[in-house]
Amino acid sequence: MTERRSLPPARVHPLGLPRQARAPTAGIHGSVFAKLVAVMVTMATSLLLLVAGFFWLIVSPAVSGSIDRVLEDQARAIAAASPDADAARHLGGRVGLQVRYEGLGRSWATTSDLPSIDEVRQRRVPGWPRVLHGRHYYIVAGTDGGTYLFAWNLPRDVLNAHATLLAGLLLVMVAVVFAAHKVLKGLLRPLRDLGAAVARLGEGDLDVALPNLTRDEFGRLTEAFNRMVGRVRDMINARDQLLLDVSHELRSPLTRMKVALELVDSGKRRGMVADVAEMERMIAGLLELERLRGDRAVSLVRQDLVPLLREVSESLQQSPPGIRLHCPFTEIPADVDAEAIRTVLRNLLENAIKYSLPDSGAIELSAVQNGEHVVIRVTDDGPGIPEHEMPNLFEPFFRVDRSRSKKTGGYGLGLSISKRIVEAHGGTIALENNPSRGASFVVTLPSRV
């Protein structure tokens, strides 16, 4: 059986429509779930920045201004009481205050890390209030002629409280994001399952069915998908059964025609016999194509592929431009159906012979064992394949030659049968255009199933 070849990436849907390649997902642009999470994180970050800006620009200045006025009044009241060092320490322990006194030939400080009054003035803190090192400093004249320096820690404590509040808010937002992530993942699970089921349906799996676990929009979408798959499966089964029934029914009249032709004059009979024989081969091909849909389409047996390759190449050696076998291995063991693989090899070699040009070199048949796979290659030196024809060439009854002339022959079933045989073995069949001229079929089979 012979016909033109095709590229495997453009796979054919069971309904006869070209299969579209699945678009690869690319991060956030390929996932609704990722987009929802990104929106949620963006909203949480914006809310955090809004709260932080509110505290920084509105709350903090208002609170700091109020605290400054209170602390200033307190500093003047304490200075008016002219406290000594012990009284200042006692007061500082209760209200978070450090005091330094300079004047009247004596000076003291409630803590050693307080700067001198001159140092504070040199840092441009004349008047009140000014903040240095997280503390508010106030310089106040005492009633006895000395000078007091008051350092309050309350503003620093307020700032720390603000920072703690923002940190706690950030942790709460992170926890909310993670919790929402988990919830969204569960809510969108029907959508992910539906995407996987659509991909399986696109690959030809008509037994796919989704469990309906929800009653929302996703649940209704799942029900619609399951109904659609059922209708598609029924349509394809009806089509296949019709094709099988028609093929069987045609065999009986063909048999009667062959018997009747025996009674016809030999001169008139020759063309009719050829036509009947062609119809019989076509029907046999259709029946074989349908048989290969079953789970037991092939019977796998452990055997050596080298004698099989040699046998098929020698049987077609006399057909120009000839066949050259290249096999660097003395033995290639594999689990295959020998008769089915023989059919594949004959289809590919006859196809290459039929489309060879007068100046074409010999067709090369090669086989190598690559790890757990066997790679068989059929390379010709023919005219090549038009790019726009490649997606359809594995379809039944498709031929590049629309005229269906006797010269190119065939009826477009050989490659479809070959593809199903290879896939029944768990392998793949592909076409590679040669850099200069012609094309190469590449059959990849698992060495052990």
Protein backbone atom coordinates (compact mmCIF):
# COMPACT_ATOMS: atom_id res chain seq x y z
CA MET A 1 0.00 0.00 0.00
CA THR A 2 1.51 3.28 -1.06
CA GLU A 3 0.91 6.99 -0.69
CA ARG A 4 2.63 10.24 0.19
CA ARG A 5 4.10 10.95 3.63
CA SER A 6 3.55 13.46 6.39
CA LEU A 7 4.97 15.14 9.44
CA PRO A 8 3.69 13.63 12.71
CA PRO A 9 3.54 16.80 14.82
CA ALA A 10 0.34 17.83 13.04
CA ARG A 11 -1.72 15.01 14.47
CA VAL A 12 -5.18 14.15 13.26
CA HIS A 13 -8.27 14.29 15.42
CA PRO A 14 -10.50 11.18 15.40
CA LEU A 15 -13.17 13.24 13.67
CA GLY A 16 -10.77 13.95 10.82
CA LEU A 17 -9.94 17.51 11.94
CA PRO A 18 -6.32 18.62 12.42
CA ARG A 19 -5.26 18.52 16.03
CA GLN A 20 -4.01 21.75 17.40
CA ALA A 21 -0.77 21.61 19.32
CA ARG A 22 -1.20 22.41 22.97
CA ALA A 23 0.14 25.88 23.72
CA PRO A 24 2.81 25.80 26.41
CA THR A 25 2.03 27.70 29.55
CA ALA A 26 4.35 30.59 30.25
CA GLY A 27 4.23 31.63 33.90
CA ILE A 28 1.51 34.05 34.93
CA HIS A 29 0.25 34.56 31.37
CA GLY A 30 -0.71 30.89 31.02
CA SER A 31 -2.57 30.33 34.30
CA VAL A 32 -5.74 31.89 35.69
CA PHE A 33 -4.70 30.66 39.14
CA ALA A 34 -1.36 32.48 38.89
CA LYS A 35 -3.13 35.65 37.75
CA LEU A 36 -5.54 35.53 40.70
CA VAL A 37 -2.67 35.00 43.14
CA ALA A 38 -0.75 37.88 41.56
CA VAL A 39 -3.80 40.16 41.87
CA MET A 40 -4.25 39.11 45.49
CA VAL A 41 -0.57 39.76 46.34
CA THR A 42 -0.72 43.13 44.57
CA MET A 43 -3.81 44.13 46.54
CA ALA A 44 -2.21 43.03 49.83
CA THR A 45 0.98 44.96 49.05
CA SER A 46 -0.99 48.06 48.07
CA LEU A 47 -3.00 47.85 51.28
CA LEU A 48 0.18 47.51 53.34
CA LEU A 49 1.76 50.54 51.61
CA LEU A 50 -1.45 52.50 52.14
CA VAL A 51 -1.52 51.72 55.87
CA ALA A 52 2.20 52.44 56.22
CA GLY A 53 1.81 55.77 54.39
CA PHE A 54 -1.18 56.64 56.55
CA PHE A 55 0.82 56.05 59.72
CA TRP A 56 3.93 57.80 58.38
CA LEU A 57 2.30 60.89 56.86
CA ILE A 58 -0.78 61.43 59.05
CA VAL A 59 -0.78 59.51 62.31
CA SER A 60 2.90 59.92 63.25
CA PRO A 61 3.08 63.72 62.72
CA ALA A 62 -0.17 64.24 64.61
CA VAL A 63 0.85 61.99 67.50
CA SER A 64 4.40 63.43 67.58
CA GLY A 65 3.09 67.02 67.66
CA SER A 66 0.75 66.24 70.56
CA ILE A 67 3.49 64.40 72.46
CA ASP A 68 5.95 67.24 71.89
CA ARG A 69 3.63 69.81 73.40
CA VAL A 70 2.95 67.61 76.43
CA LEU A 71 6.63 66.83 76.97
CA GLU A 72 7.59 70.47 76.62
CA ASP A 73 5.13 71.46 79.34
CA GLN A 74 6.34 68.64 81.56
CA ALA A 75 9.98 69.65 81.06
CA ARG A 76 9.24 73.24 82.14
CA ALA A 77 7.26 72.03 85.15
CA ILE A 78 10.08 69.73 86.30
CA ALA A 79 12.71 72.45 85.78
CA ALA A 80 10.61 74.86 87.86
CA ALA A 81 10.77 72.37 90.75
CA SER A 82 14.66 72.40 90.64
CA PRO A 83 15.04 68.62 91.29
CA ASP A 84 18.38 67.21 92.42
CA ALA A 85 20.06 64.11 90.94
CA ASP A 86 18.29 61.60 93.19
CA ALA A 87 14.87 63.12 92.56
CA ALA A 88 15.55 63.18 88.80
CA ARG A 89 16.59 59.50 88.79
CA HIS A 90 13.50 58.52 90.74
CA LEU A 91 11.28 60.47 88.34
CA GLY A 92 13.08 59.13 85.26
CA GLY A 93 12.55 55.54 86.34
CA ARG A 94 8.80 56.12 86.39
CA VAL A 95 8.27 58.16 83.19
CA GLY A 96 11.24 57.18 80.96
CA LEU A 97 13.22 60.40 81.36
CA GLN A 98 16.96 61.21 81.51
CA VAL A 99 18.13 64.53 82.96
CA ARG A 100 21.39 66.52 82.90
CA TYR A 101 21.99 69.66 85.00
CA GLU A 102 24.78 72.22 84.51
CA GLY A 103 25.22 75.39 86.54
CA LEU A 104 26.25 76.97 89.85
CA GLY A 105 29.59 75.19 89.83
CA ARG A 106 28.14 71.71 89.70
CA SER A 107 26.74 69.29 87.14
CA TRP A 108 25.16 65.85 87.18
CA ALA A 109 23.35 63.41 84.90
CA THR A 110 20.99 60.52 85.53
CA THR A 111 22.71 58.38 82.84
CA SER A 112 26.18 58.45 81.36
CA ASP A 113 25.16 58.38 77.65
CA LEU A 114 23.52 61.79 77.73
CA PRO A 115 25.37 64.45 75.70
CA SER A 116 26.34 67.73 77.29
CA ILE A 117 24.16 70.76 76.89
CA ASP A 118 26.78 72.41 74.64
CA GLU A 119 26.91 69.27 72.42
CA VAL A 120 23.17 69.34 72.00
CA ARG A 121 23.29 73.05 71.13
CA GLN A 122 26.14 72.48 68.66
CA ARG A 123 24.01 69.89 66.92
CA ARG A 124 21.57 72.69 66.31
CA VAL A 125 18.96 71.85 68.89
CA PRO A 126 18.24 75.33 70.27
CA GLY A 127 14.64 75.48 71.31
CA TRP A 128 12.19 72.66 71.43
CA PRO A 129 11.60 70.08 70.41
CA ARG A 130 14.32 68.31 68.34
CA VAL A 131 14.95 64.57 67.99
CA LEU A 132 18.40 62.93 68.21
CA HIS A 133 19.06 59.17 68.47
CA GLY A 134 15.34 58.43 68.92
CA ARG A 135 14.94 60.76 71.91
CA HIS A 136 13.43 64.21 72.24
CA TYR A 137 15.73 66.74 73.87
CA TYR A 138 14.57 69.84 75.69
CA ILE A 139 16.84 72.54 77.14
CA VAL A 140 15.16 74.47 79.93
CA ALA A 141 16.52 77.21 82.23
CA GLY A 142 16.17 76.43 85.92
CA THR A 143 14.93 78.84 88.61
CA ASP A 144 18.33 78.75 90.35
CA GLY A 145 20.22 80.02 87.28
CA GLY A 146 21.34 76.60 86.02
CA THR A 147 20.26 74.77 82.87
CA TYR A 148 18.46 71.44 82.53
CA LEU A 149 18.63 69.01 79.60
CA PHE A 150 15.69 66.61 79.43
CA ALA A 151 15.74 63.53 77.15
CA TRP A 152 12.39 61.75 76.79
CA ASN A 153 12.23 58.14 75.47
CA LEU A 154 8.49 58.17 74.87
CA PRO A 155 8.67 59.20 71.17
CA ARG A 156 11.05 56.34 70.46
CA ASP A 157 8.67 53.92 72.19
CA VAL A 158 5.81 55.25 70.06
CA LEU A 159 7.83 54.72 66.87
CA ASN A 160 8.67 51.19 67.96
CA ALA A 161 4.99 50.53 68.57
CA HIS A 162 4.20 51.76 65.07
CA ALA A 163 6.89 49.51 63.56
CA THR A 164 5.60 46.54 65.55
CA LEU A 165 2.07 47.23 64.36
CA LEU A 166 3.17 47.38 60.72
CA ALA A 167 5.20 44.17 61.09
CA GLY A 168 2.23 42.42 62.64
CA LEU A 169 0.00 43.68 59.84
CA LEU A 170 2.49 42.37 57.28
CA LEU A 171 2.51 38.93 58.91
CA VAL A 172 -1.29 38.87 58.95
CA MET A 173 -1.39 39.77 55.25
CA VAL A 174 1.12 37.03 54.40
CA ALA A 175 -0.98 34.52 56.30
CA VAL A 176 -4.11 35.72 54.47
CA VAL A 177 -2.34 35.36 51.10
CA PHE A 178 -1.26 31.80 51.87
CA ALA A 179 -4.73 30.87 53.11
CA ALA A 180 -6.35 32.43 50.03
CA HIS A 181 -3.81 30.59 47.85
CA LYS A 182 -4.93 27.28 49.31
CA VAL A 183 -8.62 28.15 48.97
CA LEU A 184 -8.23 29.34 45.37
CA LYS A 185 -6.29 26.21 44.50
CA GLY A 186 -9.18 24.07 45.68
CA LEU A 187 -11.81 26.24 43.99
CA LEU A 188 -9.98 26.17 40.64
CA ARG A 189 -9.27 22.45 40.69
CA PRO A 190 -12.26 21.67 38.40
CA LEU A 191 -10.83 24.12 35.86
CA ARG A 192 -7.40 22.41 35.92
CA ASP A 193 -9.03 19.00 35.60
CA LEU A 194 -11.08 20.26 32.69
CA GLY A 195 -7.95 21.56 30.95
CA ALA A 196 -6.23 18.18 31.36
CA ALA A 197 -9.34 16.38 30.06
CA VAL A 198 -9.53 18.64 27.00
CA ALA A 199 -5.87 17.87 26.27
CA ARG A 200 -6.60 14.12 26.53
CA LEU A 201 -9.59 14.50 24.24
CA GLY A 202 -7.42 16.37 21.76
CA GLU A 203 -5.00 13.43 21.79
CA GLY A 204 -7.83 11.08 20.84
CA ASP A 205 -8.80 9.65 24.25
CA LEU A 206 -12.58 9.34 23.96
CA ASP A 207 -12.99 7.56 27.30
CA VAL A 208 -12.20 10.67 29.34
CA ALA A 209 -14.84 11.58 31.94
CA LEU A 210 -14.70 14.13 34.74
CA PRO A 211 -16.25 13.67 38.19
CA ASN A 212 -18.64 16.50 39.02
CA LEU A 213 -17.83 17.60 42.58
CA THR A 214 -19.42 21.08 42.61
CA ARG A 215 -22.76 22.70 41.78
CA ASP A 216 -21.41 26.07 40.67
CA GLU A 217 -20.42 27.31 37.19
CA PHE A 218 -17.52 24.84 37.09
CA GLY A 219 -19.90 21.99 37.86
CA ARG A 220 -22.20 22.97 35.00
CA LEU A 221 -19.20 23.30 32.70
CA THR A 222 -18.05 19.80 33.71
CA GLU A 223 -21.49 18.36 32.95
CA ALA A 224 -21.50 20.03 29.53
CA PHE A 225 -18.03 18.67 28.78
CA ASN A 226 -19.02 15.11 29.73
CA ARG A 227 -22.13 15.34 27.53
CA MET A 228 -20.02 16.64 24.64
CA VAL A 229 -17.51 13.80 24.99
CA GLY A 230 -20.35 11.29 25.00
CA ARG A 231 -21.81 12.73 21.81
CA VAL A 232 -18.42 12.79 20.08
CA ARG A 233 -17.78 9.19 21.13
CA ASP A 234 -21.18 8.09 19.82
CA MET A 235 -20.60 9.88 16.51
CA ILE A 236 -17.19 8.31 16.00
CA ASN A 237 -18.40 4.85 16.99
CA ALA A 238 -21.30 5.19 14.56
CA ARG A 239 -18.95 6.27 11.79
CA ASP A 240 -16.55 3.41 12.46
CA GLN A 241 -19.36 0.88 12.62
CA LEU A 242 -20.80 2.18 9.36
CA LEU A 243 -17.43 1.89 7.66
CA LEU A 244 -16.98 -1.64 9.00
CA ASP A 245 -20.48 -2.70 7.97
CA VAL A 246 -20.12 -1.26 4.47
CA SER A 247 -16.76 -2.98 4.02
CA HIS A 248 -18.23 -6.34 5.05
CA GLU A 249 -21.32 -5.89 2.90
CA LEU A 250 -19.25 -5.06 -0.17
CA ARG A 251 -17.34 -8.31 0.02
CA SER A 252 -20.35 -10.45 -0.96
CA PRO A 253 -21.18 -8.63 -4.22
CA LEU A 254 -17.47 -8.48 -5.07
CA THR A 255 -17.25 -12.21 -4.69
CA ARG A 256 -20.25 -12.69 -6.98
CA MET A 257 -18.71 -10.29 -9.51
CA LYS A 258 -15.50 -12.31 -9.55
CA VAL A 259 -17.46 -15.48 -10.24
CA ALA A 260 -19.45 -13.76 -12.99
CA LEU A 261 -16.25 -12.45 -14.58
CA GLU A 262 -15.06 -15.97 -15.12
CA LEU A 263 -17.88 -16.36 -17.67
CA VAL A 264 -17.02 -13.16 -19.56
CA ASP A 265 -14.83 -13.07 -22.66
CA SER A 266 -11.15 -12.86 -21.67
CA GLY A 267 -10.54 -9.72 -23.73
CA LYS A 268 -13.23 -7.77 -21.92
CA ARG A 269 -12.48 -9.34 -18.59
CA ARG A 270 -8.94 -8.03 -18.07
CA GLY A 271 -9.80 -4.43 -17.07
CA MET A 272 -12.79 -5.49 -15.01
CA VAL A 273 -10.73 -7.99 -13.06
CA ALA A 274 -8.17 -5.28 -12.25
CA ASP A 275 -10.91 -2.96 -11.00
CA VAL A 276 -12.46 -5.68 -8.85
CA ALA A 277 -9.03 -6.57 -7.44
CA GLU A 278 -8.39 -2.91 -6.56
CA MET A 279 -11.74 -2.68 -4.79
CA GLU A 280 -10.95 -5.85 -2.88
CA ARG A 281 -7.57 -4.49 -1.74
CA MET A 282 -9.20 -1.25 -0.63
CA ILE A 283 -11.80 -3.10 1.42
CA ALA A 284 -9.07 -5.26 2.95
CA GLY A 285 -7.20 -2.09 3.89
CA LEU A 286 -10.29 -0.56 5.49
CA LEU A 287 -10.92 -3.67 7.53
CA GLU A 288 -7.28 -3.73 8.63
CA LEU A 289 -7.45 -0.05 9.60
CA GLU A 290 -10.46 -0.70 11.82
CA ARG A 291 -8.94 -3.85 13.30
CA LEU A 292 -5.95 -1.82 14.48
CA ARG A 293 -8.21 0.30 16.72
CA GLY A 294 -8.67 -2.58 19.15
CA ASP A 295 -6.66 -3.23 22.29
CA ARG A 296 -5.29 -6.44 20.79
CA ALA A 297 -4.29 -5.00 17.45
CA VAL A 298 -0.79 -6.50 17.62
CA SER A 299 0.72 -9.61 19.21
CA LEU A 300 4.16 -8.83 20.59
CA VAL A 301 6.91 -11.46 20.55
CA ARG A 302 10.60 -11.08 21.45
CA GLN A 303 12.64 -11.45 18.25
CA ASP A 304 15.53 -10.09 16.20
CA LEU A 305 14.70 -7.25 13.78
CA VAL A 306 17.81 -7.62 11.58
CA PRO A 307 16.56 -10.66 9.57
CA LEU A 308 13.19 -8.92 9.15
CA LEU A 309 14.84 -5.78 7.76
CA ARG A 310 17.00 -7.86 5.42
CA GLU A 311 14.01 -9.88 4.18
CA VAL A 312 11.88 -6.83 3.33
CA SER A 313 14.75 -4.94 1.64
CA GLU A 314 15.70 -7.97 -0.49
CA SER A 315 12.09 -8.49 -1.61
CA LEU A 316 12.04 -4.97 -3.10
CA GLN A 317 15.68 -4.81 -4.20
CA GLN A 318 14.88 -5.19 -7.90
CA SER A 319 12.56 -2.18 -7.95
CA PRO A 320 14.46 0.93 -9.13
CA PRO A 321 16.24 2.88 -7.72
CA GLY A 322 17.05 -0.05 -5.41
CA ILE A 323 17.40 -0.33 -1.66
CA ARG A 324 20.55 -0.10 0.45
CA LEU A 325 20.41 -1.64 3.94
CA HIS A 326 22.63 -0.11 6.60
CA CYS A 327 22.60 -1.80 10.01
CA PRO A 328 25.72 -1.63 12.23
CA PHE A 329 24.28 -4.19 14.65
CA THR A 330 24.35 -7.94 14.12
CA GLU A 331 21.28 -8.29 16.34
CA ILE A 332 18.50 -5.91 17.39
CA PRO A 333 16.14 -7.64 19.84
CA ALA A 334 12.71 -6.10 20.36
CA ASP A 335 9.14 -7.02 21.35
CA VAL A 336 7.24 -6.63 18.07
CA ASP A 337 4.57 -8.16 15.88
CA ALA A 338 6.73 -9.31 12.97
CA GLU A 339 3.94 -9.35 10.38
CA ALA A 340 2.73 -5.87 11.39
CA ILE A 341 6.26 -4.39 11.28
CA ARG A 342 6.78 -6.08 7.91
CA THR A 343 3.67 -4.25 6.66
CA VAL A 344 5.03 -0.91 7.92
CA LEU A 345 8.42 -1.42 6.24
CA ARG A 346 6.86 -2.47 2.93
CA ASN A 347 4.51 0.53 2.96
CA LEU A 348 7.33 2.99 3.58
CA LEU A 349 9.71 1.42 1.05
CA GLU A 350 7.07 1.08 -1.67
CA ASN A 351 6.07 4.70 -1.05
CA ALA A 352 9.69 5.83 -1.44
CA ILE A 353 10.12 3.73 -4.61
CA LYS A 354 6.94 5.09 -6.17
CA TYR A 355 7.93 8.73 -5.70
CA SER A 356 11.60 8.37 -6.66
CA LEU A 357 12.84 10.43 -9.60
CA PRO A 358 14.74 9.06 -12.61
CA ASP A 359 18.02 10.39 -11.20
CA SER A 360 17.30 9.40 -7.58
CA GLY A 361 19.88 7.42 -5.65
CA ALA A 362 19.13 4.16 -3.87
CA ILE A 363 16.67 4.28 -0.97
CA GLU A 364 18.44 3.78 2.34
CA LEU A 365 16.96 1.57 5.05
CA SER A 366 18.81 1.81 8.37
CA ALA A 367 18.24 0.66 11.93
CA VAL A 368 20.05 1.38 15.20
CA GLN A 369 19.40 0.54 18.83
CA ASN A 370 19.48 3.63 21.02
CA GLY A 371 19.15 2.70 24.68
CA GLU A 372 15.65 1.34 25.23
CA HIS A 373 14.48 2.28 21.72
CA VAL A 374 14.99 1.01 18.17
CA VAL A 375 15.12 3.69 15.46
CA ILE A 376 14.34 2.62 11.88
CA ARG A 377 14.89 5.18 9.12
CA VAL A 378 13.75 5.09 5.47
CA THR A 379 15.47 7.82 3.43
CA ASP A 380 14.64 8.58 -0.20
CA ASP A 381 15.97 10.98 -2.83
CA GLY A 382 12.59 12.05 -4.18
CA PRO A 383 10.96 15.45 -4.79
CA GLY A 384 10.04 16.09 -1.13
CA ILE A 385 6.71 17.11 0.38
CA PRO A 386 4.81 20.42 -0.04
CA GLU A 387 4.64 22.11 3.33
CA HIS A 388 0.89 22.77 3.14
CA GLU A 389 0.17 19.06 2.58
CA MET A 390 2.02 17.75 5.62
CA PRO A 391 -0.71 18.11 8.31
CA ASN A 392 -3.14 15.83 6.44
CA LEU A 393 -1.02 13.02 5.04
CA PHE A 394 -1.76 10.47 7.76
CA GLU A 395 -5.51 10.81 7.22
CA PRO A 396 -7.22 7.84 5.56
CA PHE A 397 -7.78 8.28 1.79
CA PHE A 398 -5.63 11.41 1.63
CA ARG A 399 -3.19 11.65 -1.28
CA VAL A 400 -0.99 14.47 -2.53
CA ASP A 401 -1.86 13.43 -6.08
CA ARG A 402 -5.49 14.62 -6.28
CA SER A 403 -5.89 13.01 -9.68
CA ARG A 404 -5.45 9.52 -8.17
CA SER A 405 -3.75 8.42 -11.37
CA LYS A 406 -2.73 4.83 -12.00
CA LYS A 407 0.90 5.96 -12.06
CA THR A 408 1.00 6.85 -8.38
CA GLY A 409 -1.66 4.28 -7.46
CA GLY A 410 -2.87 3.53 -3.96
CA TYR A 411 -5.89 4.88 -2.14
CA GLY A 412 -4.38 6.64 0.85
CA LEU A 413 -4.57 3.94 3.52
CA GLY A 414 -0.98 2.73 3.82
CA LEU A 415 0.35 5.52 6.00
CA SER A 416 -2.74 5.47 8.23
CA ILE A 417 -2.28 1.73 8.76
CA SER A 418 1.46 2.15 9.36
CA LYS A 419 0.86 4.88 11.93
CA ARG A 420 -1.65 2.78 13.86
CA ILE A 421 0.66 -0.23 13.82
CA VAL A 422 3.56 1.80 15.20
CA GLU A 423 1.39 3.42 17.87
CA ALA A 424 -0.01 0.01 18.82
CA HIS A 425 3.62 -0.96 19.57
CA GLY A 426 3.96 2.12 21.81
CA GLY A 427 6.19 3.89 19.28
CA THR A 428 6.10 6.96 17.03
CA ILE A 429 6.46 7.62 13.31
CA ALA A 430 7.84 10.92 12.05
CA LEU A 431 8.94 12.57 8.82
CA GLU A 432 12.09 14.63 8.40
CA ASN A 433 12.74 16.56 5.20
CA ASN A 434 16.30 16.07 3.97
CA PRO A 435 18.48 19.19 3.68
CA SER A 436 19.05 18.74 -0.06
CA ARG A 437 16.27 16.61 -1.54
CA GLY A 438 13.82 13.92 -0.53
CA ALA A 439 12.52 12.94 2.89
CA SER A 440 13.10 10.42 5.67
CA PHE A 441 10.59 8.42 7.65
CA VAL A 442 11.73 7.77 11.23
CA VAL A 443 10.06 4.93 13.13
CA THR A 444 10.88 4.71 16.85
CA LEU A 445 9.89 1.53 18.69
CA PRO A 446 10.47 0.53 22.31
CA SER A 447 12.86 -2.41 22.42
CA ARG A 448 10.84 -3.94 25.26
CA VAL A 449 7.19 -3.35 26.17
